[in-house]
Amino acid sequence: MTNPSSKSKDPLDTWLVDIAGNIAVSSGGVGLLARIKNLPVPVFASTEHAIEWGSHLNAQQHATLLDIQRTSSNAARGERNLQQMVNLATQSQLMREAAEASSQAS
């Protein structure tokens, strides 16, 4: 379950950018950046690797992984470099596999 206060859409006076380039423009976004920071997602080598890793996530980690997966999927769609697009799309799909394993393990 996510923290209800993390869903706040109140705009910030200043945008926050983390070291990975993720941007928060609301207090809810700041909460998401904190959750992302606390869930280091590996670069998956295979579907099996993703499923094994995802099967150990709790509900909050699962929700965070879905947010990261959605972002990487969107980034893949907007990428002009074909190889980078394929890499992002592949990792996004593997994150989806990990998230499905997480929801089945619960």
PDB file of N, CA and C in Angstrom:
ATOM      1  N   MET A   1       0.845  -1.177   0.000  1.00  0.00           N
ATOM      2  CA  MET A   1       0.000   0.000   0.000  1.00  0.00           C
ATOM      3  C   MET A   1       0.889   1.237   0.000  1.00  0.00           C
ATOM      4  N   THR A   2       0.538   2.202  -0.821  1.00  0.00           N
ATOM      5  CA  THR A   2       1.325   3.426  -0.882  1.00  0.00           C
ATOM      6  C   THR A   2       0.850   4.400   0.181  1.00  0.00           C
ATOM      7  N   ASN A   3       1.704   5.306   0.532  1.00  0.00           N
ATOM      8  CA  ASN A   3       1.408   6.322   1.514  1.00  0.00           C
ATOM      9  C   ASN A   3       0.478   7.354   0.887  1.00  0.00           C
ATOM     10  N   PRO A   4      -0.732   7.573   1.439  1.00  0.00           N
ATOM     11  CA  PRO A   4      -1.665   8.529   0.839  1.00  0.00           C
ATOM     12  C   PRO A   4      -1.084   9.922   0.665  1.00  0.00           C
ATOM     13  N   SER A   5      -0.195  10.356   1.558  1.00  0.00           N
ATOM     14  CA  SER A   5       0.386  11.691   1.422  1.00  0.00           C
ATOM     15  C   SER A   5       1.323  11.769   0.222  1.00  0.00           C
ATOM     16  N   SER A   6       1.813  10.605  -0.262  1.00  0.00           N
ATOM     17  CA  SER A   6       2.712  10.625  -1.414  1.00  0.00           C
ATOM     18  C   SER A   6       1.951  10.868  -2.715  1.00  0.00           C
ATOM     19  N   LYS A   7       0.624  10.852  -2.659  1.00  0.00           N
ATOM     20  CA  LYS A   7      -0.176  11.078  -3.858  1.00  0.00           C
ATOM     21  C   LYS A   7      -0.492  12.561  -4.071  1.00  0.00           C
ATOM     22  N   SER A   8      -0.026  13.410  -3.201  1.00  0.00           N
ATOM     23  CA  SER A   8      -0.295  14.835  -3.299  1.00  0.00           C
ATOM     24  C   SER A   8       0.248  15.399  -4.605  1.00  0.00           C
ATOM     25  N   LYS A   9      -0.556  16.216  -5.256  1.00  0.00           N
ATOM     26  CA  LYS A   9      -0.168  16.828  -6.525  1.00  0.00           C
ATOM     27  C   LYS A   9       0.181  18.299  -6.359  1.00  0.00           C
ATOM     28  N   ASP A  10       0.298  18.768  -5.106  1.00  0.00           N
ATOM     29  CA  ASP A  10       0.617  20.167  -4.873  1.00  0.00           C
ATOM     30  C   ASP A  10       1.948  20.510  -5.535  1.00  0.00           C
ATOM     31  N   PRO A  11       1.954  21.552  -6.402  1.00  0.00           N
ATOM     32  CA  PRO A  11       3.208  21.907  -7.082  1.00  0.00           C
ATOM     33  C   PRO A  11       4.247  22.436  -6.099  1.00  0.00           C
ATOM     34  N   LEU A  12       5.482  22.145  -6.404  1.00  0.00           N
ATOM     35  CA  LEU A  12       6.599  22.644  -5.603  1.00  0.00           C
ATOM     36  C   LEU A  12       7.020  24.011  -6.107  1.00  0.00           C
ATOM     37  N   ASP A  13       7.604  24.809  -5.225  1.00  0.00           N
ATOM     38  CA  ASP A  13       8.152  26.098  -5.636  1.00  0.00           C
ATOM     39  C   ASP A  13       9.398  25.900  -6.494  1.00  0.00           C
ATOM     40  N   THR A  14      10.112  24.811  -6.235  1.00  0.00           N
ATOM     41  CA  THR A  14      11.344  24.479  -6.958  1.00  0.00           C
ATOM     42  C   THR A  14      11.270  23.027  -7.384  1.00  0.00           C
ATOM     43  N   TRP A  15      11.655  22.744  -8.612  1.00  0.00           N
ATOM     44  CA  TRP A  15      11.701  21.361  -9.066  1.00  0.00           C
ATOM     45  C   TRP A  15      12.924  20.691  -8.472  1.00  0.00           C
ATOM     46  N   LEU A  16      12.793  19.427  -8.113  1.00  0.00           N
ATOM     47  CA  LEU A  16      13.899  18.652  -7.576  1.00  0.00           C
ATOM     48  C   LEU A  16      14.331  17.609  -8.597  1.00  0.00           C
ATOM     49  N   VAL A  17      15.632  17.464  -8.789  1.00  0.00           N
ATOM     50  CA  VAL A  17      16.188  16.491  -9.721  1.00  0.00           C
ATOM     51  C   VAL A  17      17.154  15.617  -8.950  1.00  0.00           C
ATOM     52  N   ASP A  18      16.964  14.288  -9.045  1.00  0.00           N
ATOM     53  CA  ASP A  18      17.905  13.402  -8.351  1.00  0.00           C
ATOM     54  C   ASP A  18      19.109  13.111  -9.238  1.00  0.00           C
ATOM     55  N   ILE A  19      20.049  12.349  -8.716  1.00  0.00           N
ATOM     56  CA  ILE A  19      21.304  12.096  -9.414  1.00  0.00           C
ATOM     57  C   ILE A  19      21.101  11.336 -10.733  1.00  0.00           C
ATOM     58  N   ALA A  20      20.018  10.578 -10.844  1.00  0.00           N
ATOM     59  CA  ALA A  20      19.735   9.829 -12.068  1.00  0.00           C
ATOM     60  C   ALA A  20      18.991  10.673 -13.106  1.00  0.00           C
ATOM     61  N   GLY A  21      18.644  11.904 -12.735  1.00  0.00           N
ATOM     62  CA  GLY A  21      17.942  12.780 -13.667  1.00  0.00           C
ATOM     63  C   GLY A  21      16.429  12.725 -13.550  1.00  0.00           C
ATOM     64  N   ASN A  22      15.914  12.025 -12.549  1.00  0.00           N
ATOM     65  CA  ASN A  22      14.471  11.991 -12.313  1.00  0.00           C
ATOM     66  C   ASN A  22      14.045  13.329 -11.717  1.00  0.00           C
ATOM     67  N   ILE A  23      12.914  13.844 -12.168  1.00  0.00           N
ATOM     68  CA  ILE A  23      12.452  15.166 -11.761  1.00  0.00           C
ATOM     69  C   ILE A  23      11.172  15.055 -10.945  1.00  0.00           C
ATOM     70  N   ALA A  24      11.119  15.788  -9.835  1.00  0.00           N
ATOM     71  CA  ALA A  24       9.909  15.884  -9.027  1.00  0.00           C
ATOM     72  C   ALA A  24       9.383  17.306  -9.130  1.00  0.00           C
ATOM     73  N   VAL A  25       8.099  17.431  -9.480  1.00  0.00           N
ATOM     74  CA  VAL A  25       7.481  18.751  -9.584  1.00  0.00           C
ATOM     75  C   VAL A  25       6.347  18.915  -8.577  1.00  0.00           C
ATOM     76  N   SER A  26       6.125  17.896  -7.746  1.00  0.00           N
ATOM     77  CA  SER A  26       5.092  17.960  -6.712  1.00  0.00           C
ATOM     78  C   SER A  26       5.590  17.210  -5.489  1.00  0.00           C
ATOM     79  N   SER A  27       4.884  17.390  -4.384  1.00  0.00           N
ATOM     80  CA  SER A  27       5.295  16.666  -3.174  1.00  0.00           C
ATOM     81  C   SER A  27       5.147  15.165  -3.373  1.00  0.00           C
ATOM     82  N   GLY A  28       4.166  14.731  -4.158  1.00  0.00           N
ATOM     83  CA  GLY A  28       4.037  13.314  -4.487  1.00  0.00           C
ATOM     84  C   GLY A  28       5.229  12.816  -5.272  1.00  0.00           C
ATOM     85  N   GLY A  29       5.750  13.662  -6.150  1.00  0.00           N
ATOM     86  CA  GLY A  29       6.939  13.312  -6.925  1.00  0.00           C
ATOM     87  C   GLY A  29       8.166  13.154  -6.062  1.00  0.00           C
ATOM     88  N   VAL A  30       8.268  13.978  -5.019  1.00  0.00           N
ATOM     89  CA  VAL A  30       9.384  13.855  -4.083  1.00  0.00           C
ATOM     90  C   VAL A  30       9.306  12.505  -3.380  1.00  0.00           C
ATOM     91  N   GLY A  31       8.107  12.104  -3.000  1.00  0.00           N
ATOM     92  CA  GLY A  31       7.932  10.795  -2.372  1.00  0.00           C
ATOM     93  C   GLY A  31       8.331   9.667  -3.308  1.00  0.00           C
ATOM     94  N   LEU A  32       7.974   9.801  -4.582  1.00  0.00           N
ATOM     95  CA  LEU A  32       8.337   8.792  -5.568  1.00  0.00           C
ATOM     96  C   LEU A  32       9.848   8.728  -5.736  1.00  0.00           C
ATOM     97  N   LEU A  33      10.529   9.883  -5.781  1.00  0.00           N
ATOM     98  CA  LEU A  33      11.991   9.881  -5.891  1.00  0.00           C
ATOM     99  C   LEU A  33      12.615   9.152  -4.705  1.00  0.00           C
ATOM    100  N   ALA A  34      12.062   9.337  -3.523  1.00  0.00           N
ATOM    101  CA  ALA A  34      12.594   8.649  -2.342  1.00  0.00           C
ATOM    102  C   ALA A  34      12.382   7.145  -2.467  1.00  0.00           C
ATOM    103  N   ARG A  35      11.206   6.735  -2.954  1.00  0.00           N
ATOM    104  CA  ARG A  35      10.940   5.301  -3.133  1.00  0.00           C
ATOM    105  C   ARG A  35      11.862   4.710  -4.189  1.00  0.00           C
ATOM    106  N   ILE A  36      12.099   5.450  -5.281  1.00  0.00           N
ATOM    107  CA  ILE A  36      12.999   4.970  -6.338  1.00  0.00           C
ATOM    108  C   ILE A  36      14.407   4.797  -5.775  1.00  0.00           C
ATOM    109  N   LYS A  37      14.845   5.758  -4.990  1.00  0.00           N
ATOM    110  CA  LYS A  37      16.191   5.694  -4.403  1.00  0.00           C
ATOM    111  C   LYS A  37      16.347   4.463  -3.522  1.00  0.00           C
ATOM    112  N   ASN A  38      15.274   4.063  -2.859  1.00  0.00           N
ATOM    113  CA  ASN A  38      15.325   2.932  -1.937  1.00  0.00           C
ATOM    114  C   ASN A  38      15.087   1.582  -2.608  1.00  0.00           C
ATOM    115  N   LEU A  39      14.875   1.569  -3.927  1.00  0.00           N
ATOM    116  CA  LEU A  39      14.675   0.305  -4.638  1.00  0.00           C
ATOM    117  C   LEU A  39      15.643   0.219  -5.814  1.00  0.00           C
ATOM    118  N   PRO A  40      16.868  -0.204  -5.549  1.00  0.00           N
ATOM    119  CA  PRO A  40      17.818  -0.342  -6.661  1.00  0.00           C
ATOM    120  C   PRO A  40      17.412  -1.517  -7.550  1.00  0.00           C
ATOM    121  N   VAL A  41      17.018  -1.206  -8.773  1.00  0.00           N
ATOM    122  CA  VAL A  41      16.581  -2.224  -9.728  1.00  0.00           C
ATOM    123  C   VAL A  41      17.793  -2.637 -10.561  1.00  0.00           C
ATOM    124  N   PRO A  42      18.102  -3.925 -10.587  1.00  0.00           N
ATOM    125  CA  PRO A  42      19.253  -4.363 -11.382  1.00  0.00           C
ATOM    126  C   PRO A  42      18.956  -4.299 -12.870  1.00  0.00           C
ATOM    127  N   VAL A  43      19.991  -4.327 -13.675  1.00  0.00           N
ATOM    128  CA  VAL A  43      19.823  -4.510 -15.114  1.00  0.00           C
ATOM    129  C   VAL A  43      19.658  -6.013 -15.277  1.00  0.00           C
ATOM    130  N   PHE A  44      18.475  -6.434 -15.667  1.00  0.00           N
ATOM    131  CA  PHE A  44      18.173  -7.858 -15.725  1.00  0.00           C
ATOM    132  C   PHE A  44      18.859  -8.516 -16.907  1.00  0.00           C
ATOM    133  N   ALA A  45      19.429  -9.692 -16.661  1.00  0.00           N
ATOM    134  CA  ALA A  45      20.122 -10.453 -17.694  1.00  0.00           C
ATOM    135  C   ALA A  45      19.179 -11.411 -18.410  1.00  0.00           C
ATOM    136  N   SER A  46      18.047 -11.727 -17.773  1.00  0.00           N
ATOM    137  CA  SER A  46      17.119 -12.686 -18.362  1.00  0.00           C
ATOM    138  C   SER A  46      15.751 -12.560 -17.702  1.00  0.00           C
ATOM    139  N   THR A  47      14.770 -13.190 -18.295  1.00  0.00           N
ATOM    140  CA  THR A  47      13.439 -13.231 -17.693  1.00  0.00           C
ATOM    141  C   THR A  47      13.496 -13.943 -16.347  1.00  0.00           C
ATOM    142  N   GLU A  48      14.262 -15.013 -16.282  1.00  0.00           N
ATOM    143  CA  GLU A  48      14.388 -15.758 -15.027  1.00  0.00           C
ATOM    144  C   GLU A  48      14.968 -14.882 -13.920  1.00  0.00           C
ATOM    145  N   HIS A  49      15.977 -14.086 -14.260  1.00  0.00           N
ATOM    146  CA  HIS A  49      16.579 -13.166 -13.293  1.00  0.00           C
ATOM    147  C   HIS A  49      15.523 -12.178 -12.796  1.00  0.00           C
ATOM    148  N   ALA A  50      14.738 -11.609 -13.703  1.00  0.00           N
ATOM    149  CA  ALA A  50      13.703 -10.639 -13.340  1.00  0.00           C
ATOM    150  C   ALA A  50      12.646 -11.278 -12.441  1.00  0.00           C
ATOM    151  N   ILE A  51      12.211 -12.475 -12.802  1.00  0.00           N
ATOM    152  CA  ILE A  51      11.181 -13.165 -12.017  1.00  0.00           C
ATOM    153  C   ILE A  51      11.694 -13.492 -10.619  1.00  0.00           C
ATOM    154  N   GLU A  52      12.911 -13.987 -10.527  1.00  0.00           N
ATOM    155  CA  GLU A  52      13.489 -14.315  -9.217  1.00  0.00           C
ATOM    156  C   GLU A  52      13.590 -13.055  -8.349  1.00  0.00           C
ATOM    157  N   TRP A  53      14.104 -11.969  -8.918  1.00  0.00           N
ATOM    158  CA  TRP A  53      14.255 -10.729  -8.170  1.00  0.00           C
ATOM    159  C   TRP A  53      12.889 -10.186  -7.753  1.00  0.00           C
ATOM    160  N   GLY A  54      11.955 -10.182  -8.685  1.00  0.00           N
ATOM    161  CA  GLY A  54      10.632  -9.625  -8.406  1.00  0.00           C
ATOM    162  C   GLY A  54       9.824 -10.416  -7.396  1.00  0.00           C
ATOM    163  N   SER A  55      10.102 -11.697  -7.281  1.00  0.00           N
ATOM    164  CA  SER A  55       9.311 -12.535  -6.370  1.00  0.00           C
ATOM    165  C   SER A  55       9.548 -12.201  -4.901  1.00  0.00           C
ATOM    166  N   HIS A  56      10.538 -11.378  -4.602  1.00  0.00           N
ATOM    167  CA  HIS A  56      10.856 -11.029  -3.211  1.00  0.00           C
ATOM    168  C   HIS A  56      10.412  -9.619  -2.829  1.00  0.00           C
ATOM    169  N   LEU A  57       9.667  -8.928  -3.692  1.00  0.00           N
ATOM    170  CA  LEU A  57       9.269  -7.547  -3.410  1.00  0.00           C
ATOM    171  C   LEU A  57       8.049  -7.481  -2.511  1.00  0.00           C
ATOM    172  N   ASN A  58       8.011  -6.468  -1.651  1.00  0.00           N
ATOM    173  CA  ASN A  58       6.798  -6.227  -0.874  1.00  0.00           C
ATOM    174  C   ASN A  58       5.870  -5.315  -1.680  1.00  0.00           C
ATOM    175  N   ALA A  59       4.725  -4.995  -1.135  1.00  0.00           N
ATOM    176  CA  ALA A  59       3.714  -4.227  -1.876  1.00  0.00           C
ATOM    177  C   ALA A  59       4.206  -2.840  -2.288  1.00  0.00           C
ATOM    178  N   GLN A  60       4.903  -2.144  -1.388  1.00  0.00           N
ATOM    179  CA  GLN A  60       5.395  -0.804  -1.730  1.00  0.00           C
ATOM    180  C   GLN A  60       6.478  -0.888  -2.807  1.00  0.00           C
ATOM    181  N   GLN A  61       7.363  -1.856  -2.699  1.00  0.00           N
ATOM    182  CA  GLN A  61       8.400  -2.038  -3.719  1.00  0.00           C
ATOM    183  C   GLN A  61       7.765  -2.389  -5.060  1.00  0.00           C
ATOM    184  N   HIS A  62       6.720  -3.201  -5.031  1.00  0.00           N
ATOM    185  CA  HIS A  62       6.004  -3.563  -6.254  1.00  0.00           C
ATOM    186  C   HIS A  62       5.432  -2.308  -6.922  1.00  0.00           C
ATOM    187  N   ALA A  63       4.797  -1.454  -6.131  1.00  0.00           N
ATOM    188  CA  ALA A  63       4.225  -0.211  -6.675  1.00  0.00           C
ATOM    189  C   ALA A  63       5.315   0.685  -7.256  1.00  0.00           C
ATOM    190  N   THR A  64       6.445   0.763  -6.568  1.00  0.00           N
ATOM    191  CA  THR A  64       7.566   1.564  -7.061  1.00  0.00           C
ATOM    192  C   THR A  64       8.098   0.991  -8.362  1.00  0.00           C
ATOM    193  N   LEU A  65       8.244  -0.328  -8.421  1.00  0.00           N
ATOM    194  CA  LEU A  65       8.722  -0.964  -9.646  1.00  0.00           C
ATOM    195  C   LEU A  65       7.785  -0.667 -10.811  1.00  0.00           C
ATOM    196  N   LEU A  66       6.484  -0.689 -10.578  1.00  0.00           N
ATOM    197  CA  LEU A  66       5.535  -0.364 -11.651  1.00  0.00           C
ATOM    198  C   LEU A  66       5.717   1.072 -12.137  1.00  0.00           C
ATOM    199  N   ASP A  67       5.978   2.006 -11.208  1.00  0.00           N
ATOM    200  CA  ASP A  67       6.239   3.397 -11.605  1.00  0.00           C
ATOM    201  C   ASP A  67       7.507   3.497 -12.444  1.00  0.00           C
ATOM    202  N   ILE A  68       8.562   2.784 -12.037  1.00  0.00           N
ATOM    203  CA  ILE A  68       9.820   2.800 -12.784  1.00  0.00           C
ATOM    204  C   ILE A  68       9.622   2.160 -14.153  1.00  0.00           C
ATOM    205  N   GLN A  69       8.894   1.051 -14.194  1.00  0.00           N
ATOM    206  CA  GLN A  69       8.634   0.349 -15.458  1.00  0.00           C
ATOM    207  C   GLN A  69       7.876   1.242 -16.429  1.00  0.00           C
ATOM    208  N   ARG A  70       6.873   1.931 -15.938  1.00  0.00           N
ATOM    209  CA  ARG A  70       6.070   2.829 -16.784  1.00  0.00           C
ATOM    210  C   ARG A  70       6.947   3.947 -17.345  1.00  0.00           C
ATOM    211  N   THR A  71       7.825   4.476 -16.526  1.00  0.00           N
ATOM    212  CA  THR A  71       8.721   5.542 -16.962  1.00  0.00           C
ATOM    213  C   THR A  71       9.699   5.049 -18.019  1.00  0.00           C
ATOM    214  N   SER A  72      10.257   3.854 -17.818  1.00  0.00           N
ATOM    215  CA  SER A  72      11.208   3.340 -18.811  1.00  0.00           C
ATOM    216  C   SER A  72      10.501   2.983 -20.108  1.00  0.00           C
ATOM    217  N   SER A  73       9.269   2.528 -20.032  1.00  0.00           N
ATOM    218  CA  SER A  73       8.493   2.245 -21.236  1.00  0.00           C
ATOM    219  C   SER A  73       8.234   3.529 -22.022  1.00  0.00           C
ATOM    220  N   ASN A  74       7.860   4.589 -21.308  1.00  0.00           N
ATOM    221  CA  ASN A  74       7.648   5.884 -21.957  1.00  0.00           C
ATOM    222  C   ASN A  74       8.937   6.408 -22.577  1.00  0.00           C
ATOM    223  N   ALA A  75      10.054   6.226 -21.866  1.00  0.00           N
ATOM    224  CA  ALA A  75      11.351   6.675 -22.392  1.00  0.00           C
ATOM    225  C   ALA A  75      11.704   5.904 -23.663  1.00  0.00           C
ATOM    226  N   ALA A  76      11.406   4.611 -23.698  1.00  0.00           N
ATOM    227  CA  ALA A  76      11.693   3.804 -24.892  1.00  0.00           C
ATOM    228  C   ALA A  76      10.896   4.317 -26.089  1.00  0.00           C
ATOM    229  N   ARG A  77       9.635   4.656 -25.853  1.00  0.00           N
ATOM    230  CA  ARG A  77       8.797   5.161 -26.947  1.00  0.00           C
ATOM    231  C   ARG A  77       9.314   6.473 -27.513  1.00  0.00           C
ATOM    232  N   GLY A  78       9.933   7.285 -26.654  1.00  0.00           N
ATOM    233  CA  GLY A  78      10.422   8.588 -27.095  1.00  0.00           C
ATOM    234  C   GLY A  78      11.863   8.593 -27.578  1.00  0.00           C
ATOM    235  N   GLU A  79      12.535   7.464 -27.491  1.00  0.00           N
ATOM    236  CA  GLU A  79      13.957   7.394 -27.844  1.00  0.00           C
ATOM    237  C   GLU A  79      14.138   7.342 -29.360  1.00  0.00           C
ATOM    238  N   ARG A  80      15.046   8.158 -29.874  1.00  0.00           N
ATOM    239  CA  ARG A  80      15.318   8.189 -31.323  1.00  0.00           C
ATOM    240  C   ARG A  80      16.417   7.215 -31.731  1.00  0.00           C
ATOM    241  N   ASN A  81      17.339   6.934 -30.813  1.00  0.00           N
ATOM    242  CA  ASN A  81      18.420   6.000 -31.098  1.00  0.00           C
ATOM    243  C   ASN A  81      17.850   4.590 -30.996  1.00  0.00           C
ATOM    244  N   LEU A  82      17.869   3.853 -32.112  1.00  0.00           N
ATOM    245  CA  LEU A  82      17.237   2.544 -32.172  1.00  0.00           C
ATOM    246  C   LEU A  82      17.791   1.583 -31.117  1.00  0.00           C
ATOM    247  N   GLN A  83      19.107   1.518 -30.963  1.00  0.00           N
ATOM    248  CA  GLN A  83      19.686   0.589 -29.986  1.00  0.00           C
ATOM    249  C   GLN A  83      19.274   0.950 -28.570  1.00  0.00           C
ATOM    250  N   GLN A  84      19.295   2.235 -28.245  1.00  0.00           N
ATOM    251  CA  GLN A  84      18.871   2.675 -26.912  1.00  0.00           C
ATOM    252  C   GLN A  84      17.392   2.375 -26.696  1.00  0.00           C
ATOM    253  N   MET A  85      16.570   2.563 -27.734  1.00  0.00           N
ATOM    254  CA  MET A  85      15.148   2.261 -27.637  1.00  0.00           C
ATOM    255  C   MET A  85      14.941   0.778 -27.322  1.00  0.00           C
ATOM    256  N   VAL A  86      15.661  -0.087 -28.027  1.00  0.00           N
ATOM    257  CA  VAL A  86      15.548  -1.531 -27.798  1.00  0.00           C
ATOM    258  C   VAL A  86      15.994  -1.878 -26.381  1.00  0.00           C
ATOM    259  N   ASN A  87      17.098  -1.296 -25.924  1.00  0.00           N
ATOM    260  CA  ASN A  87      17.589  -1.564 -24.566  1.00  0.00           C
ATOM    261  C   ASN A  87      16.564  -1.152 -23.511  1.00  0.00           C
ATOM    262  N   LEU A  88      16.000   0.051 -23.663  1.00  0.00           N
ATOM    263  CA  LEU A  88      15.001   0.521 -22.701  1.00  0.00           C
ATOM    264  C   LEU A  88      13.743  -0.336 -22.745  1.00  0.00           C
ATOM    265  N   ALA A  89      13.291  -0.677 -23.937  1.00  0.00           N
ATOM    266  CA  ALA A  89      12.086  -1.498 -24.068  1.00  0.00           C
ATOM    267  C   ALA A  89      12.299  -2.890 -23.483  1.00  0.00           C
ATOM    268  N   THR A  90      13.481  -3.450 -23.693  1.00  0.00           N
ATOM    269  CA  THR A  90      13.787  -4.776 -23.144  1.00  0.00           C
ATOM    270  C   THR A  90      13.785  -4.739 -21.623  1.00  0.00           C
ATOM    271  N   GLN A  91      14.455  -3.751 -21.038  1.00  0.00           N
ATOM    272  CA  GLN A  91      14.476  -3.645 -19.573  1.00  0.00           C
ATOM    273  C   GLN A  91      13.078  -3.369 -19.032  1.00  0.00           C
ATOM    274  N   SER A  92      12.298  -2.562 -19.739  1.00  0.00           N
ATOM    275  CA  SER A  92      10.933  -2.291 -19.320  1.00  0.00           C
ATOM    276  C   SER A  92      10.112  -3.583 -19.286  1.00  0.00           C
ATOM    277  N   GLN A  93      10.255  -4.404 -20.308  1.00  0.00           N
ATOM    278  CA  GLN A  93       9.529  -5.665 -20.352  1.00  0.00           C
ATOM    279  C   GLN A  93       9.979  -6.590 -19.215  1.00  0.00           C
ATOM    280  N   LEU A  94      11.274  -6.616 -18.954  1.00  0.00           N
ATOM    281  CA  LEU A  94      11.770  -7.452 -17.861  1.00  0.00           C
ATOM    282  C   LEU A  94      11.284  -6.937 -16.510  1.00  0.00           C
ATOM    283  N   MET A  95      11.171  -5.622 -16.356  1.00  0.00           N
ATOM    284  CA  MET A  95      10.598  -5.066 -15.128  1.00  0.00           C
ATOM    285  C   MET A  95       9.137  -5.474 -14.993  1.00  0.00           C
ATOM    286  N   ARG A  96       8.427  -5.508 -16.098  1.00  0.00           N
ATOM    287  CA  ARG A  96       7.031  -5.950 -16.074  1.00  0.00           C
ATOM    288  C   ARG A  96       6.957  -7.406 -15.603  1.00  0.00           C
ATOM    289  N   GLU A  97       7.877  -8.240 -16.087  1.00  0.00           N
ATOM    290  CA  GLU A  97       7.937  -9.643 -15.656  1.00  0.00           C
ATOM    291  C   GLU A  97       8.210  -9.720 -14.150  1.00  0.00           C
ATOM    292  N   ALA A  98       9.133  -8.900 -13.677  1.00  0.00           N
ATOM    293  CA  ALA A  98       9.445  -8.882 -12.238  1.00  0.00           C
ATOM    294  C   ALA A  98       8.227  -8.456 -11.434  1.00  0.00           C
ATOM    295  N   ALA A  99       7.497  -7.455 -11.920  1.00  0.00           N
ATOM    296  CA  ALA A  99       6.307  -6.973 -11.214  1.00  0.00           C
ATOM    297  C   ALA A  99       5.221  -8.045 -11.184  1.00  0.00           C
ATOM    298  N   GLU A 100       5.070  -8.771 -12.270  1.00  0.00           N
ATOM    299  CA  GLU A 100       4.078  -9.857 -12.300  1.00  0.00           C
ATOM    300  C   GLU A 100       4.466 -10.958 -11.312  1.00  0.00           C
ATOM    301  N   ALA A 101       5.749 -11.270 -11.230  1.00  0.00           N
ATOM    302  CA  ALA A 101       6.206 -12.277 -10.254  1.00  0.00           C
ATOM    303  C   ALA A 101       5.937 -11.808  -8.832  1.00  0.00           C
ATOM    304  N   SER A 102       6.117 -10.500  -8.609  1.00  0.00           N
ATOM    305  CA  SER A 102       5.886  -9.932  -7.286  1.00  0.00           C
ATOM    306  C   SER A 102       4.412 -10.036  -6.911  1.00  0.00           C
ATOM    307  N   SER A 103       3.522  -9.724  -7.828  1.00  0.00           N
ATOM    308  CA  SER A 103       2.097  -9.758  -7.519  1.00  0.00           C
ATOM    309  C   SER A 103       1.612 -11.191  -7.329  1.00  0.00           C
ATOM    310  N   GLN A 104       2.239 -12.159  -7.983  1.00  0.00           N
ATOM    311  CA  GLN A 104       1.842 -13.561  -7.829  1.00  0.00           C
ATOM    312  C   GLN A 104       2.369 -14.138  -6.529  1.00  0.00           C
ATOM    313  N   ALA A 105       3.496 -13.591  -6.046  1.00  0.00           N
ATOM    314  CA  ALA A 105       4.091 -14.090  -4.807  1.00  0.00           C
ATOM    315  C   ALA A 105       3.316 -13.612  -3.580  1.00  0.00           C
ATOM    316  N   SER A 106       2.578 -12.519  -3.722  1.00  0.00           N
ATOM    317  CA  SER A 106       1.852 -11.948  -2.582  1.00  0.00           C
ATOM    318  C   SER A 106       0.642 -12.758  -2.197  1.00  0.00           C
TER     319      SER A 106
END
